[in-house]
Amino acid sequence: MTELGPFRVNPDGKTLWYNKDAWNNESPAGVGFSYSNRSSDYITGDKQTAADSYAFLVNWLERFPEYKSQDFYIAGESYAELYHESELVFQIGNAYIDYIDRWMGTFDHFWTSALISDETHEGIVANCNFSTEGSVSQACEDYQDKAYVEKGGVYIYDIYAPLCGSSSKYKSNSLSCILLPKQISNFDPCSDDYVFTYLNAPEVQKALHADRTGVPVQWEDCNDAINIDWQDQPDTVLPVINKLMASGIRVWIYSGDTDGIIHVTTTRHSMAKLGAPVKTPWYPWYSQGEVGGYIVGYQNVTFVTIRGAGHFVPSYQPERALTFFSSFIEGKLPPGQN
């Protein structure tokens, strides 16, 4: 209700407004209003989520066989990169691709964005080996701690965004507490607060048939119990992307360029590791008469940036997100300057 859906919540927490740039389930069991009567369904992990998604797809196509001959698209954002590639992958957003790149790219991005000092960045480069979690030295940890102190209280999902100062429910790094300047985006900094209030209203839960057990349900944007019990997480999915490249499957990887958690720098490090030759040279693409971002093509993999967008691209730049997504579905690159 803050990204892709057809409606967003007004500040009153009771009414909705139409999202003209929508491009419309929750998994695994236990997130949002989803639930199961079987305890085994709450044993979660990347492989289990991929298997559940695949089972849903097979059953859906059996019920609607007229779609079997149609092109099929899968898109995932952020951590979804680590599990949706077990099936078919086409579009990957602000993706966690590789453990080493994830962390080295973090501090490179902090430095190039003027969030940390030269000395701290140099200390991380000299002392940190992120090849495995166990290989991080004490000196490396000390420099990482220093980097986060130097960075200060910026909102990590969009490093240039002001915070929602009126929110008392969330800390300064909460998803709900961000705002891109009005000239860049009309996203409300407290949207998550409104969604929390709306989805916890008894009349809304009744209308959604969310509370079918008679036990009061509190909707949360993240289920900590599911997160803590997550069973498996690969260090890298670069081999999977290489297999997709070899198979000829069309893959788009995109990044909002103000994201501070899975940065564009991180993704560029991972793209370089693929070692694929450039097929389409870097160029600016346009949306609503302005530069929407930048694009470069490698073989059957395309990398796209979205200008002025943080981690949750459609939240901050819905028009630009819709432009590049429509181009992807239509099988063509986002438009260059006319």
C-alpha atoms as a PDB file:
ATOM      1  CA  MET A   1       0.000   0.000   0.000  1.00  0.00           C
ATOM      2  CA  THR A   2       3.052   2.240  -0.280  1.00  0.00           C
ATOM      3  CA  GLU A   3       4.532   0.868  -3.527  1.00  0.00           C
ATOM      4  CA  LEU A   4       2.679  -1.029  -6.263  1.00  0.00           C
ATOM      5  CA  GLY A   5      -0.914  -1.316  -5.102  1.00  0.00           C
ATOM      6  CA  PRO A   6      -3.929   0.515  -6.539  1.00  0.00           C
ATOM      7  CA  PHE A   7      -4.635   2.406  -3.308  1.00  0.00           C
ATOM      8  CA  ARG A   8      -2.692   4.293  -0.660  1.00  0.00           C
ATOM      9  CA  VAL A   9      -3.885   5.432   2.753  1.00  0.00           C
ATOM     10  CA  ASN A  10      -4.764   9.026   3.605  1.00  0.00           C
ATOM     11  CA  PRO A  11      -3.358  10.717   6.747  1.00  0.00           C
ATOM     12  CA  ASP A  12      -6.604  10.013   8.630  1.00  0.00           C
ATOM     13  CA  GLY A  13      -5.772   6.298   8.582  1.00  0.00           C
ATOM     14  CA  LYS A  14      -9.364   5.570   7.533  1.00  0.00           C
ATOM     15  CA  THR A  15      -9.745   6.446   3.875  1.00  0.00           C
ATOM     16  CA  LEU A  16      -7.864   5.651   0.669  1.00  0.00           C
ATOM     17  CA  TRP A  17      -6.691   7.485  -2.430  1.00  0.00           C
ATOM     18  CA  TYR A  18      -6.122   6.044  -5.888  1.00  0.00           C
ATOM     19  CA  ASN A  19      -2.547   5.414  -7.032  1.00  0.00           C
ATOM     20  CA  LYS A  20      -2.564   6.201 -10.750  1.00  0.00           C
ATOM     21  CA  ASP A  21       0.879   4.615 -11.176  1.00  0.00           C
ATOM     22  CA  ALA A  22      -0.030   1.219  -9.681  1.00  0.00           C
ATOM     23  CA  TRP A  23       1.178  -1.960 -11.332  1.00  0.00           C
ATOM     24  CA  ASN A  24      -0.472  -4.750  -9.718  1.00  0.00           C
ATOM     25  CA  ASN A  25       0.759 -12.001  -2.516  1.00  0.00           C
ATOM     26  CA  GLU A  26       2.281 -12.206   0.399  1.00  0.00           C
ATOM     27  CA  SER A  27       4.750 -14.971   1.234  1.00  0.00           C
ATOM     28  CA  PRO A  28       5.812 -16.791   3.329  1.00  0.00           C
ATOM     29  CA  ALA A  29       2.883 -17.797   5.549  1.00  0.00           C
ATOM     30  CA  GLY A  30       2.701 -15.580   8.600  1.00  0.00           C
ATOM     31  CA  VAL A  31       3.503 -12.218   7.044  1.00  0.00           C
ATOM     32  CA  GLY A  32       0.835  -9.564   6.713  1.00  0.00           C
ATOM     33  CA  PHE A  33      -2.572 -11.149   7.281  1.00  0.00           C
ATOM     34  CA  SER A  34      -1.530 -14.527   5.867  1.00  0.00           C
ATOM     35  CA  TYR A  35      -1.663 -17.544   8.162  1.00  0.00           C
ATOM     36  CA  SER A  36      -1.796 -21.335   8.177  1.00  0.00           C
ATOM     37  CA  ASN A  37      -3.347 -23.979  10.425  1.00  0.00           C
ATOM     38  CA  ARG A  38      -0.264 -26.175   9.993  1.00  0.00           C
ATOM     39  CA  SER A  39       2.833 -25.424  12.056  1.00  0.00           C
ATOM     40  CA  SER A  40       5.021 -26.906   9.309  1.00  0.00           C
ATOM     41  CA  ASP A  41       4.077 -23.987   7.062  1.00  0.00           C
ATOM     42  CA  TYR A  42       5.941 -21.649   9.399  1.00  0.00           C
ATOM     43  CA  ILE A  43       9.259 -23.443   8.809  1.00  0.00           C
ATOM     44  CA  THR A  44      10.627 -20.875   6.405  1.00  0.00           C
ATOM     45  CA  GLY A  45      13.660 -20.219   4.265  1.00  0.00           C
ATOM     46  CA  ASP A  46      14.682 -19.284   0.747  1.00  0.00           C
ATOM     47  CA  LYS A  47      14.202 -22.768  -0.696  1.00  0.00           C
ATOM     48  CA  GLN A  48      10.831 -23.207   0.997  1.00  0.00           C
ATOM     49  CA  THR A  49       9.565 -19.845  -0.239  1.00  0.00           C
ATOM     50  CA  ALA A  50      10.688 -20.659  -3.780  1.00  0.00           C
ATOM     51  CA  ALA A  51       9.008 -24.082  -3.576  1.00  0.00           C
ATOM     52  CA  ASP A  52       5.762 -22.557  -2.301  1.00  0.00           C
ATOM     53  CA  SER A  53       5.798 -19.955  -5.069  1.00  0.00           C
ATOM     54  CA  TYR A  54       6.413 -22.656  -7.670  1.00  0.00           C
ATOM     55  CA  ALA A  55       3.558 -24.792  -6.310  1.00  0.00           C
ATOM     56  CA  PHE A  56       1.237 -21.795  -6.519  1.00  0.00           C
ATOM     57  CA  LEU A  57       2.296 -21.112 -10.110  1.00  0.00           C
ATOM     58  CA  VAL A  58       1.760 -24.719 -11.229  1.00  0.00           C
ATOM     59  CA  ASN A  59      -1.667 -24.898  -9.587  1.00  0.00           C
ATOM     60  CA  TRP A  60      -2.676 -21.510 -10.981  1.00  0.00           C
ATOM     61  CA  LEU A  61      -1.767 -22.529 -14.532  1.00  0.00           C
ATOM     62  CA  GLU A  62      -3.726 -25.767 -14.127  1.00  0.00           C
ATOM     63  CA  ARG A  63      -6.767 -23.748 -13.108  1.00  0.00           C
ATOM     64  CA  PHE A  64      -6.282 -21.203 -15.900  1.00  0.00           C
ATOM     65  CA  PRO A  65      -4.704 -23.230 -18.743  1.00  0.00           C
ATOM     66  CA  GLU A  66      -5.376 -20.484 -21.287  1.00  0.00           C
ATOM     67  CA  TYR A  67      -2.319 -18.678 -19.868  1.00  0.00           C
ATOM     68  CA  LYS A  68       0.138 -21.565 -20.345  1.00  0.00           C
ATOM     69  CA  SER A  69       1.264 -20.316 -23.738  1.00  0.00           C
ATOM     70  CA  GLN A  70       1.761 -16.712 -22.575  1.00  0.00           C
ATOM     71  CA  ASP A  71       5.067 -15.117 -21.581  1.00  0.00           C
ATOM     72  CA  PHE A  72       5.624 -15.302 -17.829  1.00  0.00           C
ATOM     73  CA  TYR A  73       7.319 -12.573 -15.794  1.00  0.00           C
ATOM     74  CA  ILE A  74       8.672 -12.707 -12.250  1.00  0.00           C
ATOM     75  CA  ALA A  75       9.854  -9.630 -10.378  1.00  0.00           C
ATOM     76  CA  GLY A  76      11.419  -9.365  -6.939  1.00  0.00           C
ATOM     77  CA  GLU A  77      12.775  -6.575  -4.775  1.00  0.00           C
ATOM     78  CA  SER A  78      15.666  -6.449  -2.296  1.00  0.00           C
ATOM     79  CA  TYR A  79      16.008  -9.779  -0.435  1.00  0.00           C
ATOM     80  CA  ALA A  80      13.660 -11.429  -2.964  1.00  0.00           C
ATOM     81  CA  GLU A  81      16.755 -11.691  -5.153  1.00  0.00           C
ATOM     82  CA  LEU A  82      17.964 -14.528  -2.946  1.00  0.00           C
ATOM     83  CA  TYR A  83      14.957 -16.811  -3.314  1.00  0.00           C
ATOM     84  CA  HIS A  84      12.933 -16.025  -6.404  1.00  0.00           C
ATOM     85  CA  GLU A  85      15.812 -16.989  -8.664  1.00  0.00           C
ATOM     86  CA  SER A  86      15.120 -20.621  -7.798  1.00  0.00           C
ATOM     87  CA  GLU A  87      12.373 -20.436 -10.414  1.00  0.00           C
ATOM     88  CA  LEU A  88      12.334 -18.065 -13.401  1.00  0.00           C
ATOM     89  CA  VAL A  89      13.798 -14.612 -13.002  1.00  0.00           C
ATOM     90  CA  PHE A  90      13.244 -11.605 -15.176  1.00  0.00           C
ATOM     91  CA  GLN A  91      13.316  -8.444 -13.071  1.00  0.00           C
ATOM     92  CA  ILE A  92      15.324  -7.845  -9.905  1.00  0.00           C
ATOM     93  CA  GLY A  93      15.111  -4.627  -7.910  1.00  0.00           C
ATOM     94  CA  ASN A  94      17.667  -3.126  -5.496  1.00  0.00           C
ATOM     95  CA  ALA A  95      18.900  -6.655  -5.131  1.00  0.00           C
ATOM     96  CA  TYR A  96      21.001  -8.452  -2.548  1.00  0.00           C
ATOM     97  CA  ILE A  97      23.153 -10.345  -5.070  1.00  0.00           C
ATOM     98  CA  ASP A  98      26.470 -11.095  -3.397  1.00  0.00           C
ATOM     99  CA  TYR A  99      27.654 -10.998   0.225  1.00  0.00           C
ATOM    100  CA  ILE A 100      31.094  -9.533  -0.510  1.00  0.00           C
ATOM    101  CA  ASP A 101      29.734  -6.852  -2.826  1.00  0.00           C
ATOM    102  CA  ARG A 102      26.921  -6.080  -0.403  1.00  0.00           C
ATOM    103  CA  TRP A 103      29.325  -4.970   2.321  1.00  0.00           C
ATOM    104  CA  MET A 104      32.240  -3.557   0.352  1.00  0.00           C
ATOM    105  CA  GLY A 105      29.760  -1.678  -1.809  1.00  0.00           C
ATOM    106  CA  THR A 106      28.091  -0.287   1.309  1.00  0.00           C
ATOM    107  CA  PHE A 107      31.191   1.511   2.515  1.00  0.00           C
ATOM    108  CA  ASP A 108      32.274   2.564  -0.964  1.00  0.00           C
ATOM    109  CA  HIS A 109      28.833   4.125  -1.367  1.00  0.00           C
ATOM    110  CA  PHE A 110      28.985   5.822   2.034  1.00  0.00           C
ATOM    111  CA  TRP A 111      32.342   7.340   1.080  1.00  0.00           C
ATOM    112  CA  THR A 112      31.379   8.527  -2.413  1.00  0.00           C
ATOM    113  CA  SER A 113      28.176   9.978  -0.941  1.00  0.00           C
ATOM    114  CA  ALA A 114      30.217  11.975   1.614  1.00  0.00           C
ATOM    115  CA  LEU A 115      28.740  10.114   4.586  1.00  0.00           C
ATOM    116  CA  ILE A 116      32.050   8.871   6.042  1.00  0.00           C
ATOM    117  CA  SER A 117      35.618  10.151   6.254  1.00  0.00           C
ATOM    118  CA  ASP A 118      38.517   9.266   3.975  1.00  0.00           C
ATOM    119  CA  GLU A 119      40.360   7.730   6.920  1.00  0.00           C
ATOM    120  CA  THR A 120      37.497   5.408   7.837  1.00  0.00           C
ATOM    121  CA  HIS A 121      36.983   4.271   4.256  1.00  0.00           C
ATOM    122  CA  GLU A 122      40.709   3.633   3.867  1.00  0.00           C
ATOM    123  CA  GLY A 123      40.677   1.640   7.115  1.00  0.00           C
ATOM    124  CA  ILE A 124      37.844  -0.550   5.848  1.00  0.00           C
ATOM    125  CA  VAL A 125      39.557  -1.143   2.503  1.00  0.00           C
ATOM    126  CA  ALA A 126      42.813  -2.061   4.255  1.00  0.00           C
ATOM    127  CA  ASN A 127      41.379  -4.260   7.020  1.00  0.00           C
ATOM    128  CA  CYS A 128      38.144  -5.841   5.810  1.00  0.00           C
ATOM    129  CA  ASN A 129      37.833  -9.139   3.986  1.00  0.00           C
ATOM    130  CA  PHE A 130      34.139  -9.832   3.477  1.00  0.00           C
ATOM    131  CA  SER A 131      34.614 -13.203   1.775  1.00  0.00           C
ATOM    132  CA  THR A 132      32.883 -14.961   4.687  1.00  0.00           C
ATOM    133  CA  GLU A 133      31.177 -13.671   7.813  1.00  0.00           C
ATOM    134  CA  GLY A 134      33.763 -15.388   9.999  1.00  0.00           C
ATOM    135  CA  SER A 135      36.728 -13.703   8.317  1.00  0.00           C
ATOM    136  CA  VAL A 136      35.934 -10.174   9.533  1.00  0.00           C
ATOM    137  CA  SER A 137      38.739  -9.011  11.839  1.00  0.00           C
ATOM    138  CA  GLN A 138      38.386  -6.913  14.979  1.00  0.00           C
ATOM    139  CA  ALA A 139      40.039  -3.974  13.201  1.00  0.00           C
ATOM    140  CA  CYS A 140      37.498  -4.302  10.414  1.00  0.00           C
ATOM    141  CA  GLU A 141      34.607  -4.331  12.889  1.00  0.00           C
ATOM    142  CA  ASP A 142      36.021  -1.247  14.623  1.00  0.00           C
ATOM    143  CA  TYR A 143      36.200   0.663  11.338  1.00  0.00           C
ATOM    144  CA  GLN A 144      32.667  -0.446  10.430  1.00  0.00           C
ATOM    145  CA  ASP A 145      31.390   0.804  13.789  1.00  0.00           C
ATOM    146  CA  LYS A 146      33.167   4.110  13.188  1.00  0.00           C
ATOM    147  CA  ALA A 147      31.564   4.378   9.743  1.00  0.00           C
ATOM    148  CA  TYR A 148      28.060   4.013  11.149  1.00  0.00           C
ATOM    149  CA  VAL A 149      28.783   6.614  13.827  1.00  0.00           C
ATOM    150  CA  GLU A 150      30.119   9.047  11.217  1.00  0.00           C
ATOM    151  CA  LYS A 151      27.119   8.423   8.955  1.00  0.00           C
ATOM    152  CA  GLY A 152      24.772   9.645  11.654  1.00  0.00           C
ATOM    153  CA  GLY A 153      21.019   9.270  11.722  1.00  0.00           C
ATOM    154  CA  VAL A 154      20.242   9.409   8.015  1.00  0.00           C
ATOM    155  CA  TYR A 155      17.445   7.191   6.744  1.00  0.00           C
ATOM    156  CA  ILE A 156      19.349   4.237   5.324  1.00  0.00           C
ATOM    157  CA  TYR A 157      16.713   3.321   2.710  1.00  0.00           C
ATOM    158  CA  ASP A 158      17.084   6.769   1.124  1.00  0.00           C
ATOM    159  CA  ILE A 159      20.152   8.652   2.260  1.00  0.00           C
ATOM    160  CA  TYR A 160      18.979  12.084   1.029  1.00  0.00           C
ATOM    161  CA  ALA A 161      15.452  11.928   2.410  1.00  0.00           C
ATOM    162  CA  PRO A 162      14.258  14.010   5.354  1.00  0.00           C
ATOM    163  CA  LEU A 163      12.484  12.147   8.132  1.00  0.00           C
ATOM    164  CA  CYS A 164       8.883  12.075   9.206  1.00  0.00           C
ATOM    165  CA  GLY A 165       9.326  14.234  12.285  1.00  0.00           C
ATOM    166  CA  SER A 166       5.807  13.804  13.624  1.00  0.00           C
ATOM    167  CA  SER A 167       5.961  10.007  13.911  1.00  0.00           C
ATOM    168  CA  SER A 168       6.300   8.579  17.400  1.00  0.00           C
ATOM    169  CA  LYS A 169       5.708   4.922  16.495  1.00  0.00           C
ATOM    170  CA  TYR A 170       8.880   4.466  14.470  1.00  0.00           C
ATOM    171  CA  LYS A 171      12.544   5.188  15.051  1.00  0.00           C
ATOM    172  CA  SER A 172      14.442   7.507  12.736  1.00  0.00           C
ATOM    173  CA  ASN A 173      15.502   4.629  10.492  1.00  0.00           C
ATOM    174  CA  SER A 174      11.945   3.334  10.089  1.00  0.00           C
ATOM    175  CA  LEU A 175      10.489   2.831   6.647  1.00  0.00           C
ATOM    176  CA  SER A 176       7.644   5.189   7.490  1.00  0.00           C
ATOM    177  CA  CYS A 177       9.851   8.111   8.396  1.00  0.00           C
ATOM    178  CA  ILE A 178      11.135   9.223   5.028  1.00  0.00           C
ATOM    179  CA  LEU A 179      10.338  11.871   2.479  1.00  0.00           C
ATOM    180  CA  LEU A 180      11.833  12.816  -0.830  1.00  0.00           C
ATOM    181  CA  PRO A 181      11.675  16.552  -1.509  1.00  0.00           C
ATOM    182  CA  LYS A 182       8.389  17.539  -3.108  1.00  0.00           C
ATOM    183  CA  GLN A 183      10.065  18.614  -6.331  1.00  0.00           C
ATOM    184  CA  ILE A 184      11.341  15.040  -6.762  1.00  0.00           C
ATOM    185  CA  SER A 185       8.488  12.949  -5.401  1.00  0.00           C
ATOM    186  CA  ASN A 186       5.088  13.417  -3.795  1.00  0.00           C
ATOM    187  CA  PHE A 187       5.568  10.425  -1.488  1.00  0.00           C
ATOM    188  CA  ASP A 188       4.278  11.126   2.016  1.00  0.00           C
ATOM    189  CA  PRO A 189       6.976  10.519   4.674  1.00  0.00           C
ATOM    190  CA  CYS A 190       4.491   9.001   7.087  1.00  0.00           C
ATOM    191  CA  SER A 191       2.756   6.631   4.667  1.00  0.00           C
ATOM    192  CA  ASP A 192       3.603   3.557   6.723  1.00  0.00           C
ATOM    193  CA  ASP A 193       2.033   5.131   9.800  1.00  0.00           C
ATOM    194  CA  TYR A 194      -1.191   5.569   7.860  1.00  0.00           C
ATOM    195  CA  VAL A 195      -1.093   1.987   6.573  1.00  0.00           C
ATOM    196  CA  PHE A 196      -0.469   0.648  10.094  1.00  0.00           C
ATOM    197  CA  THR A 197      -3.468   2.553  11.440  1.00  0.00           C
ATOM    198  CA  TYR A 198      -5.694   1.566   8.526  1.00  0.00           C
ATOM    199  CA  LEU A 199      -4.928  -2.160   8.526  1.00  0.00           C
ATOM    200  CA  ASN A 200      -5.365  -2.401  12.292  1.00  0.00           C
ATOM    201  CA  ALA A 201      -8.810  -0.781  12.237  1.00  0.00           C
ATOM    202  CA  PRO A 202     -11.375  -3.453  13.296  1.00  0.00           C
ATOM    203  CA  GLU A 203     -13.766  -2.520  10.489  1.00  0.00           C
ATOM    204  CA  VAL A 204     -11.004  -2.865   7.891  1.00  0.00           C
ATOM    205  CA  GLN A 205      -9.902  -6.261   9.202  1.00  0.00           C
ATOM    206  CA  LYS A 206     -13.519  -7.401   9.199  1.00  0.00           C
ATOM    207  CA  ALA A 207     -14.025  -6.240   5.606  1.00  0.00           C
ATOM    208  CA  LEU A 208     -10.826  -8.036   4.553  1.00  0.00           C
ATOM    209  CA  HIS A 209     -11.856 -11.220   6.435  1.00  0.00           C
ATOM    210  CA  ALA A 210      -8.446 -11.018   8.076  1.00  0.00           C
ATOM    211  CA  ASP A 211      -9.562 -11.965  11.599  1.00  0.00           C
ATOM    212  CA  ARG A 212     -11.213 -15.345  11.082  1.00  0.00           C
ATOM    213  CA  THR A 213     -10.087 -16.885  14.378  1.00  0.00           C
ATOM    214  CA  GLY A 214     -11.772 -14.469  16.753  1.00  0.00           C
ATOM    215  CA  VAL A 215      -8.372 -13.620  18.216  1.00  0.00           C
ATOM    216  CA  PRO A 216      -7.392  -9.952  17.786  1.00  0.00           C
ATOM    217  CA  VAL A 217      -4.864  -9.532  14.984  1.00  0.00           C
ATOM    218  CA  GLN A 218      -2.250  -6.773  14.847  1.00  0.00           C
ATOM    219  CA  TRP A 219      -0.883  -6.177  11.381  1.00  0.00           C
ATOM    220  CA  GLU A 220       2.840  -5.381  11.205  1.00  0.00           C
ATOM    221  CA  ASP A 221       4.932  -4.550   8.158  1.00  0.00           C
ATOM    222  CA  CYS A 222       7.570  -7.065   9.330  1.00  0.00           C
ATOM    223  CA  ASN A 223       6.994 -10.299  11.257  1.00  0.00           C
ATOM    224  CA  ASP A 224      10.035 -10.663  13.525  1.00  0.00           C
ATOM    225  CA  ALA A 225       9.227 -14.294  14.343  1.00  0.00           C
ATOM    226  CA  ILE A 226       9.371 -15.253  10.664  1.00  0.00           C
ATOM    227  CA  ASN A 227      12.562 -13.246  10.165  1.00  0.00           C
ATOM    228  CA  ILE A 228      14.364 -14.791  13.160  1.00  0.00           C
ATOM    229  CA  ASP A 229      13.457 -18.350  12.125  1.00  0.00           C
ATOM    230  CA  TRP A 230      14.564 -17.936   8.491  1.00  0.00           C
ATOM    231  CA  GLN A 231      16.535 -21.102   7.750  1.00  0.00           C
ATOM    232  CA  ASP A 232      18.737 -20.565   4.706  1.00  0.00           C
ATOM    233  CA  GLN A 233      20.444 -17.725   2.903  1.00  0.00           C
ATOM    234  CA  PRO A 234      23.055 -18.140   0.154  1.00  0.00           C
ATOM    235  CA  ASP A 235      26.104 -15.866   0.146  1.00  0.00           C
ATOM    236  CA  THR A 236      25.764 -15.178  -3.579  1.00  0.00           C
ATOM    237  CA  VAL A 237      23.395 -15.742  -6.479  1.00  0.00           C
ATOM    238  CA  LEU A 238      25.912 -14.729  -9.145  1.00  0.00           C
ATOM    239  CA  PRO A 239      26.177 -18.350 -10.391  1.00  0.00           C
ATOM    240  CA  VAL A 240      22.409 -18.393 -10.894  1.00  0.00           C
ATOM    241  CA  ILE A 241      22.524 -15.157 -12.885  1.00  0.00           C
ATOM    242  CA  ASN A 242      25.306 -16.643 -15.012  1.00  0.00           C
ATOM    243  CA  LYS A 243      23.100 -19.672 -15.725  1.00  0.00           C
ATOM    244  CA  LEU A 244      20.242 -17.381 -16.706  1.00  0.00           C
ATOM    245  CA  MET A 245      22.560 -15.493 -19.045  1.00  0.00           C
ATOM    246  CA  ALA A 246      23.660 -18.767 -20.632  1.00  0.00           C
ATOM    247  CA  SER A 247      20.033 -19.863 -21.048  1.00  0.00           C
ATOM    248  CA  GLY A 248      19.068 -16.699 -22.911  1.00  0.00           C
ATOM    249  CA  ILE A 249      16.421 -15.678 -20.369  1.00  0.00           C
ATOM    250  CA  ARG A 250      15.973 -11.908 -20.352  1.00  0.00           C
ATOM    251  CA  VAL A 251      16.960 -10.379 -17.001  1.00  0.00           C
ATOM    252  CA  TRP A 252      16.681  -6.780 -15.803  1.00  0.00           C
ATOM    253  CA  ILE A 253      18.409  -5.620 -12.628  1.00  0.00           C
ATOM    254  CA  TYR A 254      17.484  -2.160 -11.348  1.00  0.00           C
ATOM    255  CA  SER A 255      18.555   0.120  -8.497  1.00  0.00           C
ATOM    256  CA  GLY A 256      17.273   3.345  -7.007  1.00  0.00           C
ATOM    257  CA  ASP A 257      20.299   5.628  -6.869  1.00  0.00           C
ATOM    258  CA  THR A 258      19.637   7.064  -3.386  1.00  0.00           C
ATOM    259  CA  ASP A 259      19.240   3.688  -1.660  1.00  0.00           C
ATOM    260  CA  GLY A 260      21.713   3.254   1.192  1.00  0.00           C
ATOM    261  CA  ILE A 261      20.972  -0.373   2.119  1.00  0.00           C
ATOM    262  CA  ILE A 262      21.467  -2.225  -1.208  1.00  0.00           C
ATOM    263  CA  HIS A 263      23.209   0.541  -3.096  1.00  0.00           C
ATOM    264  CA  VAL A 264      23.711   1.068  -6.787  1.00  0.00           C
ATOM    265  CA  THR A 265      27.453   0.774  -6.027  1.00  0.00           C
ATOM    266  CA  THR A 266      26.924  -2.723  -4.656  1.00  0.00           C
ATOM    267  CA  THR A 267      25.027  -3.781  -7.757  1.00  0.00           C
ATOM    268  CA  ARG A 268      27.679  -2.339 -10.074  1.00  0.00           C
ATOM    269  CA  HIS A 269      30.361  -4.359  -8.260  1.00  0.00           C
ATOM    270  CA  SER A 270      28.270  -7.496  -8.833  1.00  0.00           C
ATOM    271  CA  MET A 271      27.610  -6.654 -12.478  1.00  0.00           C
ATOM    272  CA  ALA A 272      31.364  -6.334 -13.045  1.00  0.00           C
ATOM    273  CA  LYS A 273      31.874  -9.846 -11.662  1.00  0.00           C
ATOM    274  CA  LEU A 274      29.601 -11.267 -14.356  1.00  0.00           C
ATOM    275  CA  GLY A 275      32.280 -10.376 -16.898  1.00  0.00           C
ATOM    276  CA  ALA A 276      29.766  -9.912 -19.706  1.00  0.00           C
ATOM    277  CA  PRO A 277      30.622  -7.573 -22.606  1.00  0.00           C
ATOM    278  CA  VAL A 278      28.613  -4.373 -23.008  1.00  0.00           C
ATOM    279  CA  LYS A 279      25.958  -4.721 -25.698  1.00  0.00           C
ATOM    280  CA  THR A 280      24.104  -1.431 -25.167  1.00  0.00           C
ATOM    281  CA  PRO A 281      26.371   1.444 -24.000  1.00  0.00           C
ATOM    282  CA  TRP A 282      25.384   3.499 -20.956  1.00  0.00           C
ATOM    283  CA  TYR A 283      22.774   6.169 -21.728  1.00  0.00           C
ATOM    284  CA  PRO A 284      20.174   8.296 -19.890  1.00  0.00           C
ATOM    285  CA  TRP A 285      16.529   7.246 -20.209  1.00  0.00           C
ATOM    286  CA  TYR A 286      13.605   9.634 -19.843  1.00  0.00           C
ATOM    287  CA  SER A 287      10.238   9.799 -18.109  1.00  0.00           C
ATOM    288  CA  GLN A 288       7.863  12.777 -18.153  1.00  0.00           C
ATOM    289  CA  GLY A 289      10.473  14.831 -20.017  1.00  0.00           C
ATOM    290  CA  GLU A 290      13.193  14.368 -17.378  1.00  0.00           C
ATOM    291  CA  VAL A 291      16.070  11.951 -16.938  1.00  0.00           C
ATOM    292  CA  GLY A 292      14.503   8.957 -15.224  1.00  0.00           C
ATOM    293  CA  GLY A 293      17.807   7.174 -14.713  1.00  0.00           C
ATOM    294  CA  TYR A 294      20.513   5.388 -16.653  1.00  0.00           C
ATOM    295  CA  ILE A 295      20.809   2.072 -18.442  1.00  0.00           C
ATOM    296  CA  VAL A 296      23.469  -0.293 -19.764  1.00  0.00           C
ATOM    297  CA  GLY A 297      22.986  -3.652 -21.450  1.00  0.00           C
ATOM    298  CA  TYR A 298      25.150  -6.782 -21.174  1.00  0.00           C
ATOM    299  CA  GLN A 299      24.253  -9.764 -23.359  1.00  0.00           C
ATOM    300  CA  ASN A 300      20.701 -10.623 -22.134  1.00  0.00           C
ATOM    301  CA  VAL A 301      21.122  -8.798 -18.795  1.00  0.00           C
ATOM    302  CA  THR A 302      20.140  -5.121 -18.520  1.00  0.00           C
ATOM    303  CA  PHE A 303      21.072  -2.854 -15.609  1.00  0.00           C
ATOM    304  CA  VAL A 304      18.829   0.165 -14.951  1.00  0.00           C
ATOM    305  CA  THR A 305      19.105   2.953 -12.380  1.00  0.00           C
ATOM    306  CA  ILE A 306      16.142   5.061 -11.258  1.00  0.00           C
ATOM    307  CA  ARG A 307      17.110   8.642 -10.461  1.00  0.00           C
ATOM    308  CA  GLY A 308      15.956  10.027  -7.127  1.00  0.00           C
ATOM    309  CA  ALA A 309      14.598   6.695  -5.871  1.00  0.00           C
ATOM    310  CA  GLY A 310      15.503   4.909  -2.666  1.00  0.00           C
ATOM    311  CA  HIS A 311      15.231   1.226  -1.843  1.00  0.00           C
ATOM    312  CA  PHE A 312      11.489   0.981  -2.520  1.00  0.00           C
ATOM    313  CA  VAL A 313      11.537   2.455  -6.012  1.00  0.00           C
ATOM    314  CA  PRO A 314       7.781   2.677  -6.754  1.00  0.00           C
ATOM    315  CA  SER A 315       7.187   4.453  -3.430  1.00  0.00           C
ATOM    316  CA  TYR A 316       9.468   7.372  -4.271  1.00  0.00           C
ATOM    317  CA  GLN A 317       9.306   7.525  -8.060  1.00  0.00           C
ATOM    318  CA  PRO A 318       6.041   5.894  -9.190  1.00  0.00           C
ATOM    319  CA  GLU A 319       6.007   7.485 -12.656  1.00  0.00           C
ATOM    320  CA  ARG A 320       9.611   6.561 -13.396  1.00  0.00           C
ATOM    321  CA  ALA A 321       9.061   3.068 -12.005  1.00  0.00           C
ATOM    322  CA  LEU A 322       6.035   2.586 -14.243  1.00  0.00           C
ATOM    323  CA  THR A 323       7.935   3.854 -17.296  1.00  0.00           C
ATOM    324  CA  PHE A 324      10.804   1.389 -16.955  1.00  0.00           C
ATOM    325  CA  PHE A 325       8.517  -1.480 -15.906  1.00  0.00           C
ATOM    326  CA  SER A 326       6.270  -0.910 -18.922  1.00  0.00           C
ATOM    327  CA  SER A 327       9.348  -0.929 -21.161  1.00  0.00           C
ATOM    328  CA  PHE A 328      10.418  -4.224 -19.625  1.00  0.00           C
ATOM    329  CA  ILE A 329       7.028  -5.853 -20.225  1.00  0.00           C
ATOM    330  CA  GLU A 330       6.971  -4.536 -23.798  1.00  0.00           C
ATOM    331  CA  GLY A 331      10.414  -6.027 -24.461  1.00  0.00           C
ATOM    332  CA  LYS A 332      12.140  -2.739 -25.248  1.00  0.00           C
ATOM    333  CA  LEU A 333      14.608  -0.459 -23.489  1.00  0.00           C
ATOM    334  CA  PRO A 334      13.370   2.649 -21.645  1.00  0.00           C
ATOM    335  CA  PRO A 335      13.139   5.654 -23.977  1.00  0.00           C
ATOM    336  CA  GLY A 336      16.153   7.859 -24.605  1.00  0.00           C
ATOM    337  CA  GLN A 337      15.851  11.577 -25.297  1.00  0.00           C
ATOM    338  CA  ASN A 338      13.705  12.371 -28.331  1.00  0.00           C
END
